[in-house]
Amino acid sequence: MPSMVARTYSASEVDAAVARLGDPERFAHASEIVTHAAPSLAGVLDSALAEGGWFGAVHEELLRQASDESDAATRLAAVRALVDEQTRIGMLVGVAVGFELANELAGPPPTPSEEA
């Protein structure tokens, strides 16, 4: 199988591509495909997060500290901060998975023996 040369993207190319995703018609197809692949992609994302150590012992300690906080306002702020951080990390790793999925799809179609 021929190797593919990885393409790099400029910040302006990425900005323009993200802006194009705002087109509801263009995004509808991507949304359908992702919905179809969501169960498998969730497993890939979970694996990448675990292997990257994103939600290991430090994360568990932060969860414990937030839940043990006696002041309700401080506890709520700590939980919000953790949810925000989890969302950002999930998005970043999810985008990386998406890039790799796009690279896989950009290659030649698999032969029947590779699909099994």
N, C-alpha and C. Protein backbone atom coordinates (compact mmCIF):
# COMPACT_ATOMS: atom_id res chain seq x y z
N MET A 1 0.85 -1.17 0.00
CA MET A 1 0.00 0.00 0.00
C MET A 1 0.89 1.23 0.00
N PRO A 2 0.65 2.20 -0.88
CA PRO A 2 1.51 3.38 -0.93
C PRO A 2 1.30 4.24 0.32
N SER A 3 2.38 4.84 0.80
CA SER A 3 2.25 5.70 1.96
C SER A 3 1.74 7.06 1.54
N MET A 4 0.99 7.67 2.44
CA MET A 4 0.46 9.00 2.18
C MET A 4 1.35 10.02 2.86
N VAL A 5 1.59 11.12 2.20
CA VAL A 5 2.36 12.19 2.79
C VAL A 5 1.40 13.03 3.63
N ALA A 6 1.74 13.21 4.90
CA ALA A 6 0.89 14.01 5.77
C ALA A 6 0.92 15.46 5.32
N ARG A 7 -0.24 16.06 5.29
CA ARG A 7 -0.36 17.46 4.91
C ARG A 7 -0.43 18.29 6.17
N THR A 8 0.25 19.41 6.16
CA THR A 8 0.13 20.33 7.29
C THR A 8 -0.83 21.45 6.89
N TYR A 9 -1.43 22.08 7.88
CA TYR A 9 -2.43 23.11 7.65
C TYR A 9 -2.01 24.39 8.33
N SER A 10 -2.25 25.51 7.67
CA SER A 10 -1.98 26.80 8.30
C SER A 10 -3.15 27.17 9.20
N ALA A 11 -2.94 28.08 10.10
CA ALA A 11 -4.00 28.54 10.99
C ALA A 11 -5.15 29.13 10.18
N SER A 12 -4.85 29.86 9.12
CA SER A 12 -5.92 30.47 8.32
C SER A 12 -6.73 29.39 7.59
N GLU A 13 -6.09 28.31 7.14
CA GLU A 13 -6.82 27.22 6.50
C GLU A 13 -7.77 26.55 7.48
N VAL A 14 -7.28 26.32 8.71
CA VAL A 14 -8.13 25.71 9.72
C VAL A 14 -9.28 26.64 10.07
N ASP A 15 -9.00 27.94 10.24
CA ASP A 15 -10.05 28.91 10.55
C ASP A 15 -11.13 28.92 9.46
N ALA A 16 -10.71 28.92 8.20
CA ALA A 16 -11.66 28.92 7.09
C ALA A 16 -12.48 27.63 7.06
N ALA A 17 -11.83 26.51 7.32
CA ALA A 17 -12.55 25.23 7.32
C ALA A 17 -13.57 25.18 8.45
N VAL A 18 -13.20 25.66 9.63
CA VAL A 18 -14.13 25.70 10.77
C VAL A 18 -15.31 26.61 10.44
N ALA A 19 -15.04 27.75 9.81
CA ALA A 19 -16.13 28.66 9.43
C ALA A 19 -17.09 27.98 8.46
N ARG A 20 -16.57 27.20 7.52
CA ARG A 20 -17.43 26.49 6.56
C ARG A 20 -18.32 25.46 7.24
N LEU A 21 -17.87 24.94 8.37
CA LEU A 21 -18.68 23.97 9.10
C LEU A 21 -19.96 24.59 9.64
N GLY A 22 -20.03 25.91 9.69
CA GLY A 22 -21.23 26.60 10.14
C GLY A 22 -22.38 26.48 9.17
N ASP A 23 -22.12 26.06 7.94
CA ASP A 23 -23.18 25.87 6.94
C ASP A 23 -23.99 24.65 7.35
N PRO A 24 -25.28 24.83 7.69
CA PRO A 24 -26.08 23.70 8.18
C PRO A 24 -26.13 22.51 7.22
N GLU A 25 -26.20 22.76 5.93
CA GLU A 25 -26.25 21.65 4.98
C GLU A 25 -24.95 20.86 4.97
N ARG A 26 -23.84 21.57 5.02
CA ARG A 26 -22.54 20.91 5.00
C ARG A 26 -22.34 20.11 6.29
N PHE A 27 -22.78 20.65 7.39
CA PHE A 27 -22.59 20.00 8.67
C PHE A 27 -23.55 18.82 8.85
N ALA A 28 -24.69 18.83 8.18
CA ALA A 28 -25.69 17.77 8.33
C ALA A 28 -25.11 16.41 7.96
N HIS A 29 -24.39 16.34 6.85
CA HIS A 29 -23.81 15.06 6.44
C HIS A 29 -22.77 14.58 7.45
N ALA A 30 -21.91 15.48 7.89
CA ALA A 30 -20.90 15.12 8.89
C ALA A 30 -21.58 14.63 10.16
N SER A 31 -22.66 15.28 10.55
CA SER A 31 -23.38 14.89 11.75
C SER A 31 -23.97 13.49 11.61
N GLU A 32 -24.51 13.17 10.44
CA GLU A 32 -25.05 11.83 10.19
C GLU A 32 -23.96 10.77 10.30
N ILE A 33 -22.81 11.06 9.69
CA ILE A 33 -21.71 10.10 9.71
C ILE A 33 -21.20 9.89 11.13
N VAL A 34 -21.04 10.97 11.86
CA VAL A 34 -20.53 10.86 13.24
C VAL A 34 -21.54 10.13 14.12
N THR A 35 -22.83 10.41 13.93
CA THR A 35 -23.86 9.71 14.70
C THR A 35 -23.78 8.21 14.43
N HIS A 36 -23.58 7.86 13.18
CA HIS A 36 -23.44 6.44 12.81
C HIS A 36 -22.22 5.81 13.50
N ALA A 37 -21.13 6.54 13.51
CA ALA A 37 -19.87 6.01 14.04
C ALA A 37 -19.69 6.24 15.54
N ALA A 38 -20.64 6.95 16.17
CA ALA A 38 -20.47 7.37 17.57
C ALA A 38 -20.10 6.24 18.52
N PRO A 39 -20.76 5.09 18.48
CA PRO A 39 -20.38 4.05 19.45
C PRO A 39 -18.92 3.61 19.29
N SER A 40 -18.48 3.42 18.07
CA SER A 40 -17.09 3.01 17.84
C SER A 40 -16.13 4.15 18.19
N LEU A 41 -16.49 5.37 17.80
CA LEU A 41 -15.63 6.52 18.09
C LEU A 41 -15.51 6.75 19.59
N ALA A 42 -16.57 6.50 20.35
CA ALA A 42 -16.51 6.67 21.80
C ALA A 42 -15.47 5.74 22.40
N GLY A 43 -15.41 4.52 21.88
CA GLY A 43 -14.39 3.58 22.37
C GLY A 43 -12.98 4.05 22.05
N VAL A 44 -12.80 4.59 20.84
CA VAL A 44 -11.48 5.10 20.45
C VAL A 44 -11.11 6.28 21.33
N LEU A 45 -12.06 7.18 21.55
CA LEU A 45 -11.82 8.35 22.39
C LEU A 45 -11.48 7.93 23.82
N ASP A 46 -12.27 7.00 24.38
CA ASP A 46 -11.99 6.53 25.74
C ASP A 46 -10.59 5.93 25.84
N SER A 47 -10.23 5.14 24.85
CA SER A 47 -8.91 4.52 24.84
C SER A 47 -7.81 5.57 24.76
N ALA A 48 -7.99 6.56 23.87
CA ALA A 48 -6.99 7.62 23.72
C ALA A 48 -6.86 8.43 25.01
N LEU A 49 -7.97 8.72 25.66
CA LEU A 49 -7.93 9.47 26.91
C LEU A 49 -7.22 8.66 28.00
N ALA A 50 -7.51 7.37 28.06
CA ALA A 50 -6.88 6.52 29.08
C ALA A 50 -5.39 6.38 28.82
N GLU A 51 -5.02 6.10 27.58
CA GLU A 51 -3.61 5.92 27.24
C GLU A 51 -2.83 7.21 27.42
N GLY A 52 -3.47 8.35 27.20
CA GLY A 52 -2.80 9.63 27.36
C GLY A 52 -2.71 10.08 28.81
N GLY A 53 -3.34 9.33 29.71
CA GLY A 53 -3.30 9.68 31.12
C GLY A 53 -4.13 10.90 31.47
N TRP A 54 -5.08 11.24 30.61
CA TRP A 54 -5.86 12.46 30.82
C TRP A 54 -6.72 12.39 32.08
N PHE A 55 -7.27 11.21 32.37
CA PHE A 55 -8.18 11.09 33.50
C PHE A 55 -7.68 10.06 34.50
N GLY A 56 -6.44 10.19 34.88
CA GLY A 56 -5.83 9.25 35.82
C GLY A 56 -5.96 9.70 37.26
N ALA A 57 -4.93 9.41 38.04
CA ALA A 57 -4.94 9.66 39.48
C ALA A 57 -5.10 11.14 39.83
N VAL A 58 -4.47 12.02 39.06
CA VAL A 58 -4.59 13.46 39.35
C VAL A 58 -6.03 13.91 39.18
N HIS A 59 -6.67 13.44 38.12
CA HIS A 59 -8.07 13.79 37.88
C HIS A 59 -8.96 13.26 39.01
N GLU A 60 -8.71 12.03 39.41
CA GLU A 60 -9.49 11.44 40.50
C GLU A 60 -9.32 12.24 41.79
N GLU A 61 -8.11 12.71 42.05
CA GLU A 61 -7.87 13.52 43.25
C GLU A 61 -8.63 14.85 43.17
N LEU A 62 -8.65 15.46 42.00
CA LEU A 62 -9.40 16.71 41.83
C LEU A 62 -10.90 16.48 42.02
N LEU A 63 -11.40 15.35 41.54
CA LEU A 63 -12.81 15.00 41.77
C LEU A 63 -13.09 14.85 43.27
N ARG A 64 -12.19 14.16 43.95
CA ARG A 64 -12.37 13.95 45.39
C ARG A 64 -12.36 15.28 46.14
N GLN A 65 -11.40 16.14 45.78
CA GLN A 65 -11.32 17.44 46.44
C GLN A 65 -12.58 18.27 46.21
N ALA A 66 -13.06 18.26 44.97
CA ALA A 66 -14.27 19.04 44.66
C ALA A 66 -15.48 18.49 45.43
N SER A 67 -15.61 17.18 45.49
CA SER A 67 -16.77 16.60 46.17
C SER A 67 -16.69 16.75 47.68
N ASP A 68 -15.48 16.86 48.22
CA ASP A 68 -15.31 17.03 49.67
C ASP A 68 -15.44 18.48 50.12
N GLU A 69 -15.49 19.40 49.20
CA GLU A 69 -15.57 20.83 49.56
C GLU A 69 -16.86 21.10 50.33
N SER A 70 -16.75 21.71 51.51
CA SER A 70 -17.93 21.93 52.35
C SER A 70 -18.75 23.15 51.90
N ASP A 71 -18.11 24.15 51.36
CA ASP A 71 -18.82 25.34 50.91
C ASP A 71 -19.47 25.05 49.55
N ALA A 72 -20.79 25.19 49.49
CA ALA A 72 -21.54 24.83 48.28
C ALA A 72 -21.09 25.63 47.06
N ALA A 73 -20.86 26.93 47.22
CA ALA A 73 -20.45 27.76 46.09
C ALA A 73 -19.06 27.36 45.58
N THR A 74 -18.15 27.07 46.51
CA THR A 74 -16.81 26.65 46.12
C THR A 74 -16.86 25.28 45.47
N ARG A 75 -17.68 24.37 46.02
CA ARG A 75 -17.83 23.04 45.44
C ARG A 75 -18.39 23.13 44.02
N LEU A 76 -19.40 23.96 43.83
CA LEU A 76 -19.99 24.14 42.49
C LEU A 76 -18.96 24.70 41.52
N ALA A 77 -18.18 25.68 41.96
CA ALA A 77 -17.13 26.25 41.09
C ALA A 77 -16.09 25.19 40.72
N ALA A 78 -15.71 24.35 41.67
CA ALA A 78 -14.72 23.30 41.40
C ALA A 78 -15.28 22.27 40.42
N VAL A 79 -16.54 21.89 40.59
CA VAL A 79 -17.16 20.92 39.67
C VAL A 79 -17.27 21.53 38.27
N ARG A 80 -17.67 22.80 38.20
CA ARG A 80 -17.74 23.48 36.89
C ARG A 80 -16.37 23.50 36.20
N ALA A 81 -15.34 23.79 36.96
CA ALA A 81 -13.98 23.83 36.39
C ALA A 81 -13.58 22.45 35.86
N LEU A 82 -13.91 21.40 36.60
CA LEU A 82 -13.59 20.04 36.15
C LEU A 82 -14.37 19.68 34.88
N VAL A 83 -15.66 20.03 34.84
CA VAL A 83 -16.47 19.74 33.65
C VAL A 83 -15.92 20.51 32.45
N ASP A 84 -15.58 21.77 32.65
CA ASP A 84 -15.00 22.57 31.56
C ASP A 84 -13.71 21.94 31.05
N GLU A 85 -12.86 21.52 31.96
CA GLU A 85 -11.58 20.91 31.57
C GLU A 85 -11.81 19.58 30.85
N GLN A 86 -12.73 18.76 31.35
CA GLN A 86 -13.05 17.50 30.67
C GLN A 86 -13.58 17.75 29.26
N THR A 87 -14.40 18.76 29.12
CA THR A 87 -14.96 19.09 27.81
C THR A 87 -13.85 19.51 26.85
N ARG A 88 -12.96 20.39 27.31
CA ARG A 88 -11.85 20.84 26.46
C ARG A 88 -10.95 19.67 26.06
N ILE A 89 -10.60 18.84 27.01
CA ILE A 89 -9.72 17.70 26.71
C ILE A 89 -10.42 16.74 25.75
N GLY A 90 -11.70 16.46 26.02
CA GLY A 90 -12.46 15.58 25.13
C GLY A 90 -12.54 16.12 23.72
N MET A 91 -12.73 17.43 23.60
CA MET A 91 -12.77 18.04 22.26
C MET A 91 -11.42 17.95 21.57
N LEU A 92 -10.36 18.26 22.29
CA LEU A 92 -9.02 18.21 21.68
C LEU A 92 -8.66 16.80 21.22
N VAL A 93 -8.89 15.83 22.08
CA VAL A 93 -8.59 14.45 21.70
C VAL A 93 -9.55 14.00 20.60
N GLY A 94 -10.80 14.42 20.69
CA GLY A 94 -11.77 14.07 19.65
C GLY A 94 -11.39 14.62 18.28
N VAL A 95 -10.89 15.83 18.25
CA VAL A 95 -10.44 16.41 16.99
C VAL A 95 -9.25 15.63 16.46
N ALA A 96 -8.33 15.25 17.34
CA ALA A 96 -7.18 14.45 16.90
C ALA A 96 -7.64 13.12 16.31
N VAL A 97 -8.61 12.49 16.96
CA VAL A 97 -9.18 11.25 16.43
C VAL A 97 -9.84 11.53 15.08
N GLY A 98 -10.53 12.65 14.97
CA GLY A 98 -11.17 13.02 13.70
C GLY A 98 -10.16 13.22 12.58
N PHE A 99 -9.04 13.85 12.88
CA PHE A 99 -7.99 14.01 11.87
C PHE A 99 -7.49 12.66 11.39
N GLU A 100 -7.26 11.76 12.34
CA GLU A 100 -6.77 10.44 11.96
C GLU A 100 -7.83 9.66 11.18
N LEU A 101 -9.09 9.82 11.54
CA LEU A 101 -10.16 9.18 10.78
C LEU A 101 -10.19 9.73 9.36
N ALA A 102 -10.04 11.04 9.22
CA ALA A 102 -10.00 11.64 7.88
C ALA A 102 -8.82 11.09 7.08
N ASN A 103 -7.66 10.93 7.72
CA ASN A 103 -6.50 10.35 7.03
C ASN A 103 -6.80 8.92 6.57
N GLU A 104 -7.46 8.15 7.44
CA GLU A 104 -7.82 6.78 7.07
C GLU A 104 -8.76 6.78 5.87
N LEU A 105 -9.74 7.67 5.90
CA LEU A 105 -10.73 7.72 4.82
C LEU A 105 -10.14 8.26 3.53
N ALA A 106 -9.07 9.06 3.61
CA ALA A 106 -8.45 9.65 2.43
C ALA A 106 -7.63 8.64 1.65
N GLY A 107 -7.27 7.55 2.30
CA GLY A 107 -6.48 6.52 1.62
C GLY A 107 -7.35 5.72 0.67
N PRO A 108 -6.71 4.78 -0.04
CA PRO A 108 -7.48 3.94 -0.95
C PRO A 108 -8.46 3.07 -0.17
N PRO A 109 -9.58 2.72 -0.79
CA PRO A 109 -10.54 1.86 -0.09
C PRO A 109 -9.90 0.52 0.25
N PRO A 110 -10.30 -0.06 1.38
CA PRO A 110 -9.71 -1.35 1.76
C PRO A 110 -10.16 -2.45 0.81
N THR A 111 -9.31 -3.44 0.66
CA THR A 111 -9.69 -4.61 -0.13
C THR A 111 -10.64 -5.45 0.72
N PRO A 112 -11.41 -6.33 0.11
CA PRO A 112 -12.36 -7.15 0.90
C PRO A 112 -11.67 -7.90 2.05
N SER A 113 -10.45 -8.35 1.86
CA SER A 113 -9.77 -9.09 2.94
C SER A 113 -9.40 -8.15 4.09
N GLU A 114 -9.19 -6.85 3.84
CA GLU A 114 -8.86 -5.89 4.89
C GLU A 114 -10.09 -5.46 5.67
N GLU A 115 -11.29 -5.56 5.07
CA GLU A 115 -12.52 -5.12 5.73
C GLU A 115 -12.96 -6.09 6.82
N ALA A 116 -12.57 -7.32 6.72
CA ALA A 116 -13.03 -8.35 7.68
C ALA A 116 -12.45 -8.18 9.05
